[in-house]
Amino acid sequence: MVKRPEIRRVIRLKLVLTIAVSVLAYLLWGASAGFSSLLGGTISLAGALIYARIAYRGGWQAPTAMLSRHYAAEMAKFGWTITGFALVILLIPVHGLGLLLGYIAATAAYWLGLFVKLEKN
């Protein structure tokens, strides 16, 4: 699916953070919060996979072509995020704080991934 090791590392970190926050939300506020947190993290995780598929397909090309792919990937990820939240909120009774915390935790994986990368060097 995703062949670049740095992208796989961020995806795995997103998954770990989503599960950790979901378990914590479950323990603090109950099953609804834990499930909602899992849904929030899944929205972020799916967005990252969409971004990776669009931005990194085709290998190295001219800088303008690569930048265009990154713009397209970011637009697709943003569109998915809005759609994912709308679908979840409209179709599933969710715990709002749990949903938001799951999304934030998974999204924080980008920044934590950079921090871990800097620490290894």
N, C-alpha and C. Protein backbone atom coordinates (compact mmCIF):
# COMPACT_ATOMS: atom_id res chain seq x y z
N MET A 1 0.82 -1.19 0.00
CA MET A 1 0.00 0.00 0.00
C MET A 1 0.87 1.26 0.00
N VAL A 2 1.60 1.49 1.08
CA VAL A 2 2.50 2.65 1.16
C VAL A 2 3.90 2.09 1.24
N LYS A 3 4.73 2.43 0.26
CA LYS A 3 6.04 1.79 0.16
C LYS A 3 7.16 2.56 0.84
N ARG A 4 6.98 3.82 1.12
CA ARG A 4 8.06 4.62 1.70
C ARG A 4 8.11 4.41 3.21
N PRO A 5 9.28 4.10 3.75
CA PRO A 5 9.37 3.78 5.18
C PRO A 5 8.99 4.94 6.10
N GLU A 6 9.29 6.16 5.71
CA GLU A 6 8.94 7.30 6.57
C GLU A 6 7.42 7.50 6.65
N ILE A 7 6.73 7.18 5.57
CA ILE A 7 5.27 7.29 5.57
C ILE A 7 4.67 6.16 6.39
N ARG A 8 5.21 4.96 6.23
CA ARG A 8 4.73 3.83 7.03
C ARG A 8 4.91 4.10 8.52
N ARG A 9 6.02 4.74 8.89
CA ARG A 9 6.28 5.04 10.30
C ARG A 9 5.21 5.99 10.84
N VAL A 10 4.85 7.01 10.08
CA VAL A 10 3.82 7.95 10.53
C VAL A 10 2.46 7.26 10.60
N ILE A 11 2.14 6.41 9.64
CA ILE A 11 0.87 5.69 9.65
C ILE A 11 0.78 4.78 10.88
N ARG A 12 1.87 4.06 11.16
CA ARG A 12 1.88 3.20 12.36
C ARG A 12 1.72 4.02 13.63
N LEU A 13 2.40 5.17 13.70
CA LEU A 13 2.29 6.03 14.87
C LEU A 13 0.86 6.55 15.03
N LYS A 14 0.22 6.90 13.93
CA LYS A 14 -1.19 7.32 13.98
C LYS A 14 -2.07 6.22 14.55
N LEU A 15 -1.82 5.00 14.10
CA LEU A 15 -2.61 3.86 14.57
C LEU A 15 -2.39 3.63 16.07
N VAL A 16 -1.16 3.67 16.50
CA VAL A 16 -0.85 3.46 17.92
C VAL A 16 -1.48 4.56 18.78
N LEU A 17 -1.35 5.81 18.36
CA LEU A 17 -1.94 6.91 19.12
C LEU A 17 -3.47 6.82 19.16
N THR A 18 -4.07 6.42 18.05
CA THR A 18 -5.53 6.27 18.00
C THR A 18 -5.99 5.20 18.99
N ILE A 19 -5.31 4.08 18.98
CA ILE A 19 -5.69 3.00 19.90
C ILE A 19 -5.48 3.43 21.35
N ALA A 20 -4.35 4.07 21.64
CA ALA A 20 -4.06 4.50 23.02
C ALA A 20 -5.11 5.49 23.53
N VAL A 21 -5.44 6.47 22.72
CA VAL A 21 -6.42 7.47 23.15
C VAL A 21 -7.81 6.86 23.23
N SER A 22 -8.13 5.92 22.37
CA SER A 22 -9.43 5.25 22.42
C SER A 22 -9.58 4.44 23.70
N VAL A 23 -8.53 3.74 24.08
CA VAL A 23 -8.56 2.98 25.34
C VAL A 23 -8.70 3.93 26.52
N LEU A 24 -7.96 5.02 26.50
CA LEU A 24 -8.05 6.01 27.58
C LEU A 24 -9.44 6.62 27.66
N ALA A 25 -10.02 6.98 26.51
CA ALA A 25 -11.38 7.54 26.48
C ALA A 25 -12.39 6.52 26.98
N TYR A 26 -12.20 5.26 26.61
CA TYR A 26 -13.08 4.20 27.09
C TYR A 26 -13.02 4.09 28.61
N LEU A 27 -11.82 4.12 29.16
CA LEU A 27 -11.66 4.00 30.60
C LEU A 27 -12.21 5.21 31.35
N LEU A 28 -12.06 6.40 30.76
CA LEU A 28 -12.52 7.62 31.43
C LEU A 28 -14.01 7.87 31.28
N TRP A 29 -14.56 7.67 30.08
CA TRP A 29 -15.93 8.09 29.81
C TRP A 29 -16.86 7.00 29.31
N GLY A 30 -16.33 5.81 29.06
CA GLY A 30 -17.20 4.71 28.65
C GLY A 30 -17.04 4.30 27.20
N ALA A 31 -17.85 3.32 26.81
CA ALA A 31 -17.74 2.71 25.50
C ALA A 31 -18.02 3.69 24.36
N SER A 32 -18.99 4.56 24.53
CA SER A 32 -19.32 5.52 23.47
C SER A 32 -18.14 6.44 23.18
N ALA A 33 -17.48 6.90 24.22
CA ALA A 33 -16.32 7.78 24.04
C ALA A 33 -15.16 7.03 23.40
N GLY A 34 -14.94 5.79 23.82
CA GLY A 34 -13.87 5.00 23.24
C GLY A 34 -14.08 4.74 21.76
N PHE A 35 -15.31 4.38 21.39
CA PHE A 35 -15.64 4.14 19.98
C PHE A 35 -15.55 5.43 19.18
N SER A 36 -16.03 6.53 19.75
CA SER A 36 -15.97 7.82 19.06
C SER A 36 -14.53 8.24 18.83
N SER A 37 -13.67 8.00 19.81
CA SER A 37 -12.27 8.31 19.66
C SER A 37 -11.63 7.48 18.56
N LEU A 38 -12.02 6.23 18.49
CA LEU A 38 -11.53 5.35 17.42
C LEU A 38 -11.98 5.87 16.06
N LEU A 39 -13.21 6.34 15.96
CA LEU A 39 -13.70 6.91 14.70
C LEU A 39 -12.92 8.17 14.32
N GLY A 40 -12.65 9.03 15.29
CA GLY A 40 -11.89 10.25 15.03
C GLY A 40 -10.49 9.94 14.52
N GLY A 41 -9.83 8.98 15.15
CA GLY A 41 -8.50 8.58 14.69
C GLY A 41 -8.54 7.95 13.32
N THR A 42 -9.60 7.20 13.04
CA THR A 42 -9.73 6.56 11.74
C THR A 42 -9.92 7.59 10.63
N ILE A 43 -10.63 8.66 10.92
CA ILE A 43 -10.78 9.74 9.93
C ILE A 43 -9.42 10.31 9.58
N SER A 44 -8.60 10.57 10.59
CA SER A 44 -7.26 11.10 10.35
C SER A 44 -6.38 10.09 9.62
N LEU A 45 -6.46 8.85 10.02
CA LEU A 45 -5.66 7.79 9.40
C LEU A 45 -6.02 7.62 7.93
N ALA A 46 -7.30 7.60 7.62
CA ALA A 46 -7.74 7.47 6.23
C ALA A 46 -7.28 8.68 5.41
N GLY A 47 -7.34 9.86 6.00
CA GLY A 47 -6.86 11.06 5.31
C GLY A 47 -5.38 10.98 4.97
N ALA A 48 -4.60 10.44 5.89
CA ALA A 48 -3.16 10.29 5.65
C ALA A 48 -2.89 9.30 4.52
N LEU A 49 -3.67 8.22 4.48
CA LEU A 49 -3.50 7.24 3.42
C LEU A 49 -3.90 7.83 2.06
N ILE A 50 -4.97 8.61 2.04
CA ILE A 50 -5.38 9.28 0.80
C ILE A 50 -4.28 10.22 0.33
N TYR A 51 -3.73 11.00 1.26
CA TYR A 51 -2.66 11.93 0.93
C TYR A 51 -1.46 11.18 0.33
N ALA A 52 -1.04 10.11 1.00
CA ALA A 52 0.13 9.37 0.54
C ALA A 52 -0.08 8.78 -0.85
N ARG A 53 -1.28 8.24 -1.10
CA ARG A 53 -1.55 7.64 -2.41
C ARG A 53 -1.48 8.67 -3.54
N ILE A 54 -1.96 9.88 -3.28
CA ILE A 54 -1.97 10.90 -4.32
C ILE A 54 -0.61 11.58 -4.44
N ALA A 55 -0.03 11.98 -3.34
CA ALA A 55 1.19 12.79 -3.37
C ALA A 55 2.41 12.00 -3.82
N TYR A 56 2.47 10.71 -3.51
CA TYR A 56 3.69 9.96 -3.77
C TYR A 56 3.57 8.94 -4.89
N ARG A 57 2.53 9.03 -5.68
CA ARG A 57 2.45 8.13 -6.83
C ARG A 57 3.28 8.74 -7.97
N GLY A 58 3.86 7.91 -8.76
CA GLY A 58 4.59 8.40 -9.92
C GLY A 58 6.06 8.68 -9.69
N GLY A 59 6.54 8.56 -8.46
CA GLY A 59 7.97 8.76 -8.20
C GLY A 59 8.41 10.20 -8.38
N TRP A 60 9.69 10.36 -8.59
CA TRP A 60 10.27 11.70 -8.73
C TRP A 60 9.98 12.26 -10.11
N GLN A 61 9.56 13.52 -10.13
CA GLN A 61 9.27 14.23 -11.38
C GLN A 61 9.75 15.66 -11.23
N ALA A 62 9.37 16.50 -12.16
CA ALA A 62 9.72 17.91 -12.07
C ALA A 62 9.12 18.49 -10.79
N PRO A 63 9.82 19.44 -10.16
CA PRO A 63 9.32 20.01 -8.91
C PRO A 63 7.89 20.57 -9.00
N THR A 64 7.54 21.19 -10.11
CA THR A 64 6.19 21.74 -10.23
C THR A 64 5.14 20.63 -10.25
N ALA A 65 5.46 19.51 -10.90
CA ALA A 65 4.52 18.38 -10.94
C ALA A 65 4.36 17.78 -9.55
N MET A 66 5.46 17.66 -8.83
CA MET A 66 5.40 17.09 -7.48
C MET A 66 4.62 18.02 -6.55
N LEU A 67 4.84 19.32 -6.67
CA LEU A 67 4.11 20.28 -5.85
C LEU A 67 2.62 20.23 -6.16
N SER A 68 2.28 20.10 -7.42
CA SER A 68 0.87 19.98 -7.81
C SER A 68 0.23 18.75 -7.19
N ARG A 69 0.97 17.64 -7.17
CA ARG A 69 0.44 16.43 -6.54
C ARG A 69 0.21 16.63 -5.05
N HIS A 70 1.13 17.33 -4.40
CA HIS A 70 0.96 17.59 -2.96
C HIS A 70 -0.25 18.50 -2.70
N TYR A 71 -0.44 19.50 -3.55
CA TYR A 71 -1.64 20.34 -3.41
C TYR A 71 -2.90 19.51 -3.59
N ALA A 72 -2.92 18.68 -4.63
CA ALA A 72 -4.09 17.83 -4.88
C ALA A 72 -4.31 16.88 -3.72
N ALA A 73 -3.24 16.32 -3.18
CA ALA A 73 -3.35 15.40 -2.05
C ALA A 73 -3.91 16.10 -0.82
N GLU A 74 -3.45 17.31 -0.57
CA GLU A 74 -3.94 18.05 0.59
C GLU A 74 -5.42 18.40 0.42
N MET A 75 -5.83 18.77 -0.78
CA MET A 75 -7.25 19.06 -1.02
C MET A 75 -8.11 17.81 -0.83
N ALA A 76 -7.63 16.68 -1.32
CA ALA A 76 -8.37 15.43 -1.16
C ALA A 76 -8.46 15.04 0.32
N LYS A 77 -7.37 15.21 1.05
CA LYS A 77 -7.37 14.88 2.48
C LYS A 77 -8.34 15.79 3.23
N PHE A 78 -8.31 17.06 2.92
CA PHE A 78 -9.22 18.02 3.57
C PHE A 78 -10.67 17.68 3.25
N GLY A 79 -10.95 17.38 1.99
CA GLY A 79 -12.31 16.99 1.59
C GLY A 79 -12.77 15.74 2.31
N TRP A 80 -11.87 14.75 2.42
CA TRP A 80 -12.22 13.54 3.15
C TRP A 80 -12.49 13.84 4.61
N THR A 81 -11.66 14.68 5.22
CA THR A 81 -11.82 14.99 6.64
C THR A 81 -13.19 15.61 6.91
N ILE A 82 -13.57 16.57 6.10
CA ILE A 82 -14.88 17.22 6.26
C ILE A 82 -15.99 16.19 6.04
N THR A 83 -15.87 15.39 4.99
CA THR A 83 -16.88 14.37 4.69
C THR A 83 -16.94 13.32 5.79
N GLY A 84 -15.79 12.87 6.25
CA GLY A 84 -15.75 11.86 7.30
C GLY A 84 -16.42 12.34 8.58
N PHE A 85 -16.08 13.56 9.02
CA PHE A 85 -16.72 14.10 10.21
C PHE A 85 -18.22 14.26 10.01
N ALA A 86 -18.63 14.76 8.85
CA ALA A 86 -20.06 14.94 8.59
C ALA A 86 -20.80 13.61 8.64
N LEU A 87 -20.25 12.59 7.99
CA LEU A 87 -20.89 11.28 7.99
C LEU A 87 -21.00 10.70 9.40
N VAL A 88 -19.91 10.78 10.15
CA VAL A 88 -19.92 10.22 11.50
C VAL A 88 -20.91 10.97 12.38
N ILE A 89 -20.88 12.28 12.33
CA ILE A 89 -21.76 13.07 13.20
C ILE A 89 -23.23 12.87 12.83
N LEU A 90 -23.52 12.77 11.53
CA LEU A 90 -24.91 12.61 11.09
C LEU A 90 -25.45 11.19 11.28
N LEU A 91 -24.59 10.18 11.13
CA LEU A 91 -25.08 8.81 11.11
C LEU A 91 -24.89 8.02 12.40
N ILE A 92 -23.98 8.47 13.24
CA ILE A 92 -23.66 7.69 14.44
C ILE A 92 -23.75 8.60 15.67
N PRO A 93 -24.43 8.16 16.70
CA PRO A 93 -24.43 8.97 17.93
C PRO A 93 -23.04 8.87 18.58
N VAL A 94 -22.34 9.98 18.59
CA VAL A 94 -20.96 9.98 19.07
C VAL A 94 -20.79 10.83 20.32
N HIS A 95 -19.72 10.56 21.02
CA HIS A 95 -19.26 11.36 22.14
C HIS A 95 -18.33 12.41 21.53
N GLY A 96 -18.76 13.66 21.51
CA GLY A 96 -18.04 14.72 20.80
C GLY A 96 -16.59 14.87 21.21
N LEU A 97 -16.34 14.90 22.51
CA LEU A 97 -14.97 15.06 22.99
C LEU A 97 -14.10 13.87 22.59
N GLY A 98 -14.65 12.67 22.69
CA GLY A 98 -13.91 11.49 22.28
C GLY A 98 -13.54 11.52 20.81
N LEU A 99 -14.50 11.91 19.98
CA LEU A 99 -14.26 12.01 18.54
C LEU A 99 -13.13 13.00 18.25
N LEU A 100 -13.21 14.15 18.87
CA LEU A 100 -12.21 15.19 18.65
C LEU A 100 -10.83 14.76 19.17
N LEU A 101 -10.79 14.15 20.35
CA LEU A 101 -9.51 13.72 20.91
C LEU A 101 -8.85 12.64 20.07
N GLY A 102 -9.65 11.73 19.54
CA GLY A 102 -9.09 10.70 18.65
C GLY A 102 -8.49 11.29 17.40
N TYR A 103 -9.19 12.27 16.83
CA TYR A 103 -8.67 12.93 15.62
C TYR A 103 -7.39 13.71 15.93
N ILE A 104 -7.40 14.46 17.02
CA ILE A 104 -6.23 15.26 17.38
C ILE A 104 -5.03 14.37 17.67
N ALA A 105 -5.24 13.28 18.39
CA ALA A 105 -4.14 12.38 18.72
C ALA A 105 -3.52 11.79 17.45
N ALA A 106 -4.36 11.34 16.53
CA ALA A 106 -3.83 10.76 15.30
C ALA A 106 -3.14 11.82 14.45
N THR A 107 -3.69 13.01 14.41
CA THR A 107 -3.08 14.09 13.63
C THR A 107 -1.75 14.51 14.23
N ALA A 108 -1.61 14.42 15.53
CA ALA A 108 -0.36 14.77 16.20
C ALA A 108 0.79 13.85 15.81
N ALA A 109 0.48 12.72 15.20
CA ALA A 109 1.53 11.78 14.80
C ALA A 109 2.50 12.42 13.81
N TYR A 110 2.02 13.35 12.97
CA TYR A 110 2.92 14.03 12.05
C TYR A 110 4.03 14.73 12.83
N TRP A 111 3.64 15.48 13.84
CA TRP A 111 4.60 16.25 14.62
C TRP A 111 5.46 15.34 15.48
N LEU A 112 4.87 14.33 16.08
CA LEU A 112 5.66 13.38 16.86
C LEU A 112 6.64 12.62 15.97
N GLY A 113 6.21 12.31 14.76
CA GLY A 113 7.10 11.65 13.81
C GLY A 113 8.31 12.50 13.47
N LEU A 114 8.11 13.79 13.34
CA LEU A 114 9.24 14.69 13.10
C LEU A 114 10.16 14.74 14.31
N PHE A 115 9.58 14.77 15.50
CA PHE A 115 10.38 14.80 16.71
C PHE A 115 11.20 13.52 16.86
N VAL A 116 10.60 12.39 16.62
CA VAL A 116 11.31 11.12 16.71
C VAL A 116 12.41 11.07 15.67
N LYS A 117 12.14 11.56 14.47
CA LYS A 117 13.14 11.59 13.40
C LYS A 117 14.33 12.45 13.80
N LEU A 118 14.06 13.61 14.41
CA LEU A 118 15.14 14.48 14.85
C LEU A 118 15.95 13.84 15.97
N GLU A 119 15.28 13.11 16.84
CA GLU A 119 15.97 12.48 17.95
C GLU A 119 16.89 11.36 17.46
N LYS A 120 16.56 10.69 16.39
CA LYS A 120 17.38 9.59 15.89
C LYS A 120 18.65 10.09 15.22
N ASN A 121 18.63 11.31 14.72
CA ASN A 121 19.81 11.84 14.00
C ASN A 121 20.85 12.36 14.95
